[in-house]
C-alpha atoms as a PDB file:
ATOM      1  CA  MET A   1      90.049  76.210  94.407  1.00  0.00           C
ATOM      2  CA  SER A   2      88.755  76.992  90.952  1.00  0.00           C
ATOM      3  CA  VAL A   3      87.813  80.187  89.188  1.00  0.00           C
ATOM      4  CA  SER A   4      85.400  79.698  86.307  1.00  0.00           C
ATOM      5  CA  GLY A   5      86.185  75.996  86.294  1.00  0.00           C
ATOM      6  CA  ARG A   6      89.972  76.453  86.325  1.00  0.00           C
ATOM      7  CA  GLU A   7      92.070  75.201  89.240  1.00  0.00           C
ATOM      8  CA  ILE A   8      94.290  77.839  90.818  1.00  0.00           C
ATOM      9  CA  LEU A   9      97.273  77.208  93.057  1.00  0.00           C
ATOM     10  CA  ILE A  10      97.068  79.626  95.953  1.00  0.00           C
ATOM     11  CA  MET A  11     100.155  81.148  97.497  1.00  0.00           C
ATOM     12  CA  PRO A  12      99.520  84.865  97.064  1.00  0.00           C
ATOM     13  CA  ILE A  13     102.104  85.964  99.644  1.00  0.00           C
ATOM     14  CA  SER A  14     105.038  83.584  99.627  1.00  0.00           C
ATOM     15  CA  GLY A  15     105.246  81.508 102.793  1.00  0.00           C
ATOM     16  CA  VAL A  16     102.175  83.128 104.370  1.00  0.00           C
ATOM     17  CA  VAL A  17      98.916  81.325 105.067  1.00  0.00           C
ATOM     18  CA  GLN A  18      95.946  83.523 104.264  1.00  0.00           C
ATOM     19  CA  PRO A  19      93.277  83.461 107.001  1.00  0.00           C
ATOM     20  CA  ASP A  20      89.774  82.361 105.999  1.00  0.00           C
ATOM     21  CA  ILE A  21      88.285  85.264 107.975  1.00  0.00           C
ATOM     22  CA  LEU A  22      89.754  88.552 109.182  1.00  0.00           C
ATOM     23  CA  VAL A  23      87.494  90.260 111.685  1.00  0.00           C
ATOM     24  CA  VAL A  24      87.367  94.006 111.092  1.00  0.00           C
ATOM     25  CA  ASP A  25      84.921  94.846 113.893  1.00  0.00           C
ATOM     26  CA  GLU A  26      81.537  93.712 115.227  1.00  0.00           C
ATOM     27  CA  GLU A  27      79.837  94.621 111.942  1.00  0.00           C
ATOM     28  CA  LEU A  28      82.454  93.867 109.263  1.00  0.00           C
ATOM     29  CA  ARG A  29      84.691  91.003 108.296  1.00  0.00           C
ATOM     30  CA  LEU A  30      86.891  89.986 105.381  1.00  0.00           C
ATOM     31  CA  ARG A  31      86.217  86.537 103.931  1.00  0.00           C
ATOM     32  CA  LYS A  32      88.891  84.803 101.884  1.00  0.00           C
ATOM     33  CA  PHE A  33      88.108  84.576  98.170  1.00  0.00           C
ATOM     34  CA  ASP A  34      86.690  81.144  97.368  1.00  0.00           C
ATOM     35  CA  GLY A  35      86.211  81.391  93.611  1.00  0.00           C
ATOM     36  CA  ASN A  36      82.499  82.215  93.850  1.00  0.00           C
ATOM     37  CA  TYR A  37      81.744  85.789  92.874  1.00  0.00           C
ATOM     38  CA  ASP A  38      78.561  85.900  90.792  1.00  0.00           C
ATOM     39  CA  PHE A  39      77.136  88.421  93.274  1.00  0.00           C
ATOM     40  CA  ALA A  40      80.006  90.826  92.460  1.00  0.00           C
ATOM     41  CA  PHE A  41      79.170  91.104  88.766  1.00  0.00           C
ATOM     42  CA  ASP A  42      76.584  93.841  89.431  1.00  0.00           C
ATOM     43  CA  TRP A  43      79.175  96.000  91.232  1.00  0.00           C
ATOM     44  CA  TYR A  44      81.320  96.072  88.121  1.00  0.00           C
ATOM     45  CA  GLN A  45      78.383  96.966  85.862  1.00  0.00           C
ATOM     46  CA  ASP A  46      78.144 100.402  87.436  1.00  0.00           C
ATOM     47  CA  PRO A  47      80.065 102.991  85.348  1.00  0.00           C
ATOM     48  CA  GLU A  48      80.860 105.127  88.419  1.00  0.00           C
ATOM     49  CA  THR A  49      82.374 102.168  90.267  1.00  0.00           C
ATOM     50  CA  VAL A  50      84.421 101.095  87.259  1.00  0.00           C
ATOM     51  CA  LYS A  51      85.662 104.671  86.771  1.00  0.00           C
ATOM     52  CA  LEU A  52      86.940 104.715  90.368  1.00  0.00           C
ATOM     53  CA  VAL A  53      88.616 101.316  89.880  1.00  0.00           C
ATOM     54  CA  ASP A  54      90.011 101.521  86.341  1.00  0.00           C
ATOM     55  CA  GLY A  55      89.785 105.144  85.269  1.00  0.00           C
ATOM     56  CA  VAL A  56      87.275 104.302  82.533  1.00  0.00           C
ATOM     57  CA  ASP A  57      83.518 103.903  82.653  1.00  0.00           C
ATOM     58  CA  GLN A  58      83.296 100.696  80.615  1.00  0.00           C
ATOM     59  CA  PRO A  59      81.414  97.986  82.584  1.00  0.00           C
ATOM     60  CA  TYR A  60      83.028  94.585  82.999  1.00  0.00           C
ATOM     61  CA  ASP A  61      81.929  91.493  81.166  1.00  0.00           C
ATOM     62  CA  ARG A  62      82.247  88.069  82.841  1.00  0.00           C
ATOM     63  CA  GLU A  63      85.608  87.385  81.209  1.00  0.00           C
ATOM     64  CA  LYS A  64      87.120  90.641  82.475  1.00  0.00           C
ATOM     65  CA  LEU A  65      85.771  90.022  85.982  1.00  0.00           C
ATOM     66  CA  ASP A  66      87.287  86.534  85.907  1.00  0.00           C
ATOM     67  CA  ARG A  67      90.664  87.926  84.780  1.00  0.00           C
ATOM     68  CA  MET A  68      90.586  90.602  87.471  1.00  0.00           C
ATOM     69  CA  TYR A  69      89.850  88.186  90.305  1.00  0.00           C
ATOM     70  CA  ARG A  70      92.413  85.701  89.013  1.00  0.00           C
ATOM     71  CA  TYR A  71      95.085  88.416  88.879  1.00  0.00           C
ATOM     72  CA  LEU A  72      94.257  89.777  92.332  1.00  0.00           C
ATOM     73  CA  ASN A  73      94.147  86.298  93.849  1.00  0.00           C
ATOM     74  CA  GLU A  74      97.568  85.491  92.405  1.00  0.00           C
ATOM     75  CA  HIS A  75      99.154  88.728  93.648  1.00  0.00           C
ATOM     76  CA  GLY A  76      97.774  89.103  97.147  1.00  0.00           C
ATOM     77  CA  GLU A  77      95.282  88.027  99.743  1.00  0.00           C
ATOM     78  CA  LEU A  78      91.922  88.553  98.051  1.00  0.00           C
ATOM     79  CA  TYR A  79      88.936  89.025 100.344  1.00  0.00           C
ATOM     80  CA  PHE A  80      85.286  89.913 100.089  1.00  0.00           C
ATOM     81  CA  ILE A  81      84.206  92.648 102.458  1.00  0.00           C
ATOM     82  CA  GLU A  82      81.149  91.374 104.306  1.00  0.00           C
ATOM     83  CA  ILE A  83      78.690  93.228 106.507  1.00  0.00           C
ATOM     84  CA  LYS A  84      76.625  91.628 109.235  1.00  0.00           C
ATOM     85  CA  ASP A  85      73.007  91.338 108.148  1.00  0.00           C
ATOM     86  CA  GLY A  86      71.017  89.769 110.977  1.00  0.00           C
ATOM     87  CA  ASP A  87      72.647  86.449 111.824  1.00  0.00           C
ATOM     88  CA  THR A  88      74.581  86.188 108.556  1.00  0.00           C
ATOM     89  CA  TYR A  89      77.081  88.172 106.544  1.00  0.00           C
ATOM     90  CA  ARG A  90      76.650  89.406 102.994  1.00  0.00           C
ATOM     91  CA  PRO A  91      79.348  90.585 100.594  1.00  0.00           C
ATOM     92  CA  ILE A  92      79.404  94.304  99.820  1.00  0.00           C
ATOM     93  CA  GLY A  93      82.811  94.743  98.231  1.00  0.00           C
ATOM     94  CA  ASP A  94      86.282  93.352  97.764  1.00  0.00           C
ATOM     95  CA  VAL A  95      89.840  94.133  98.762  1.00  0.00           C
ATOM     96  CA  THR A  96      93.209  92.634  97.963  1.00  0.00           C
ATOM     97  CA  PHE A  97      96.151  92.969 100.304  1.00  0.00           C
ATOM     98  CA  TRP A  98      99.830  92.681  99.541  1.00  0.00           C
ATOM     99  CA  GLN A  99     102.728  94.884 100.530  1.00  0.00           C
ATOM    100  CA  GLU A 100     102.792  96.767  97.214  1.00  0.00           C
ATOM    101  CA  ASP A 101      99.083  97.538  96.872  1.00  0.00           C
ATOM    102  CA  MET A 102      95.691  97.445  98.513  1.00  0.00           C
ATOM    103  CA  PRO A 103      92.907  97.878  95.927  1.00  0.00           C
ATOM    104  CA  ILE A 104      89.542  98.185  97.645  1.00  0.00           C
ATOM    105  CA  VAL A 105      86.008  98.473  96.271  1.00  0.00           C
ATOM    106  CA  VAL A 106      82.828  99.034  98.230  1.00  0.00           C
ATOM    107  CA  GLY A 107      80.537  97.663  95.546  1.00  0.00           C
ATOM    108  CA  GLU A 108      77.264  98.684  97.163  1.00  0.00           C
ATOM    109  CA  LYS A 109      77.092 102.388  96.378  1.00  0.00           C
ATOM    110  CA  ASN A 110      74.670 103.135  99.219  1.00  0.00           C
ATOM    111  CA  LEU A 111      77.357 102.001 101.699  1.00  0.00           C
ATOM    112  CA  ARG A 112      80.074 104.347 100.438  1.00  0.00           C
ATOM    113  CA  GLY A 113      80.979 107.267 102.646  1.00  0.00           C
ATOM    114  CA  LYS A 114      80.195 105.276 105.800  1.00  0.00           C
ATOM    115  CA  LYS A 115      83.845 104.664 106.797  1.00  0.00           C
ATOM    116  CA  ILE A 116      83.737 101.002 105.702  1.00  0.00           C
ATOM    117  CA  GLY A 117      86.870 101.424 103.601  1.00  0.00           C
ATOM    118  CA  ARG A 118      88.689 103.112 106.478  1.00  0.00           C
ATOM    119  CA  ARG A 119      87.776 100.263 108.843  1.00  0.00           C
ATOM    120  CA  VAL A 120      88.937  97.654 106.305  1.00  0.00           C
ATOM    121  CA  VAL A 121      92.212  99.510 105.725  1.00  0.00           C
ATOM    122  CA  GLY A 122      92.740  99.606 109.507  1.00  0.00           C
ATOM    123  CA  ALA A 123      92.371  95.813 109.682  1.00  0.00           C
ATOM    124  CA  LEU A 124      94.839  95.393 106.825  1.00  0.00           C
ATOM    125  CA  ILE A 125      97.356  97.689 108.500  1.00  0.00           C
ATOM    126  CA  LYS A 126      97.121  95.390 111.516  1.00  0.00           C
ATOM    127  CA  ARG A 127      97.678  92.400 109.186  1.00  0.00           C
ATOM    128  CA  ALA A 128     100.751  94.097 107.697  1.00  0.00           C
ATOM    129  CA  LYS A 129     102.178  94.651 111.176  1.00  0.00           C
ATOM    130  CA  GLU A 130     101.575  90.978 112.030  1.00  0.00           C
ATOM    131  CA  LEU A 131     103.570  90.095 108.901  1.00  0.00           C
ATOM    132  CA  HIS A 132     106.340  92.479 110.064  1.00  0.00           C
ATOM    133  CA  TYR A 133     106.173  94.657 106.970  1.00  0.00           C
ATOM    134  CA  PRO A 134     108.195  97.862 107.490  1.00  0.00           C
ATOM    135  CA  GLN A 135     105.897  99.749 105.099  1.00  0.00           C
ATOM    136  CA  ILE A 136     102.920  99.197 102.814  1.00  0.00           C
ATOM    137  CA  PHE A 137     101.846 100.889  99.613  1.00  0.00           C
ATOM    138  CA  VAL A 138      98.874 101.837  97.480  1.00  0.00           C
ATOM    139  CA  ASP A 139      99.993 101.727  93.869  1.00  0.00           C
ATOM    140  CA  GLU A 140      97.786 104.554  92.576  1.00  0.00           C
ATOM    141  CA  ILE A 141      94.698 106.515  93.492  1.00  0.00           C
ATOM    142  CA  TYR A 142      93.262 108.624  90.691  1.00  0.00           C
ATOM    143  CA  HIS A 143      93.190 112.422  91.130  1.00  0.00           C
ATOM    144  CA  TYR A 144      89.375 112.485  91.099  1.00  0.00           C
ATOM    145  CA  ASN A 145      88.917 109.632  93.600  1.00  0.00           C
ATOM    146  CA  ILE A 146      88.729 111.929  96.610  1.00  0.00           C
ATOM    147  CA  GLY A 147      86.953 109.304  98.746  1.00  0.00           C
ATOM    148  CA  SER A 148      89.855 106.847  98.435  1.00  0.00           C
ATOM    149  CA  GLN A 149      92.416 109.573  98.988  1.00  0.00           C
ATOM    150  CA  LYS A 150      90.693 110.609 102.230  1.00  0.00           C
ATOM    151  CA  CYS A 151      90.298 106.979 103.295  1.00  0.00           C
ATOM    152  CA  PHE A 152      93.984 106.164 103.012  1.00  0.00           C
ATOM    153  CA  GLU A 153      95.192 109.534 104.295  1.00  0.00           C
ATOM    154  CA  SER A 154      93.012 109.176 107.397  1.00  0.00           C
ATOM    155  CA  ALA A 155      94.746 105.825 108.016  1.00  0.00           C
ATOM    156  CA  GLY A 156      98.161 107.503 107.923  1.00  0.00           C
ATOM    157  CA  PHE A 157      99.147 106.912 104.298  1.00  0.00           C
ATOM    158  CA  VAL A 158     101.130 109.723 102.678  1.00  0.00           C
ATOM    159  CA  ALA A 159     101.358 110.522  98.969  1.00  0.00           C
ATOM    160  CA  TYR A 160     104.975 110.053  97.922  1.00  0.00           C
ATOM    161  CA  GLU A 161     104.812 110.191  94.124  1.00  0.00           C
ATOM    162  CA  THR A 162     102.611 111.834  91.518  1.00  0.00           C
ATOM    163  CA  THR A 163     101.656 109.865  88.419  1.00  0.00           C
ATOM    164  CA  ASP A 164      99.940 111.012  85.229  1.00  0.00           C
ATOM    165  CA  LYS A 165      96.575 109.925  86.632  1.00  0.00           C
ATOM    166  CA  GLY A 166      96.958 110.269  90.386  1.00  0.00           C
ATOM    167  CA  LYS A 167      99.261 109.608  93.308  1.00  0.00           C
ATOM    168  CA  ARG A 168     101.039 106.684  94.924  1.00  0.00           C
ATOM    169  CA  TYR A 169     100.768 106.306  98.702  1.00  0.00           C
ATOM    170  CA  ARG A 170     102.761 104.597 101.422  1.00  0.00           C
ATOM    171  CA  LYS A 171     102.524 104.071 105.138  1.00  0.00           C
ATOM    172  CA  ILE A 172     105.628 103.511 107.218  1.00  0.00           C
ATOM    173  CA  LEU A 173     104.920 100.854 109.853  1.00  0.00           C
ATOM    174  CA  SER A 174     108.326 100.695 111.511  1.00  0.00           C
ATOM    175  CA  GLU A 175     111.469 102.752 111.440  1.00  0.00           C
END
């Protein structure tokens, strides 16, 4: 696979094969990152979206978007969140899954607040259980990102540490 013309070796979670598709429910699925993300550029042009993601309202340029996707793809299972649209699926956001973090973005603003994030997180909790993880984490959710806080808390995540900008969350999967 290549990102912006560069070949990338993929082994985001050591010894684990990333599925091409994770079915969330009858309306949503997660599609493995394939290096094509031109459609996502508009999501990261929105100052509100970028503020929720990075804590600043500076839109991404192509180089920053490339660096972000390269980093996420190297650290975890990177997926595009896709919604069923007739007989096809269209990307509406992205999420990366690894034991230490689960950054999620619903890029289409009109679809926020519709429990899409919660449904995606539920599918990733199931994935974590399949991988026999005893617990999973969210590295940081900013104090003002109430939507993400509610999303993860409704899925059973508990804040365990306060940072300068927000809180870190974890979910115990097995005792």
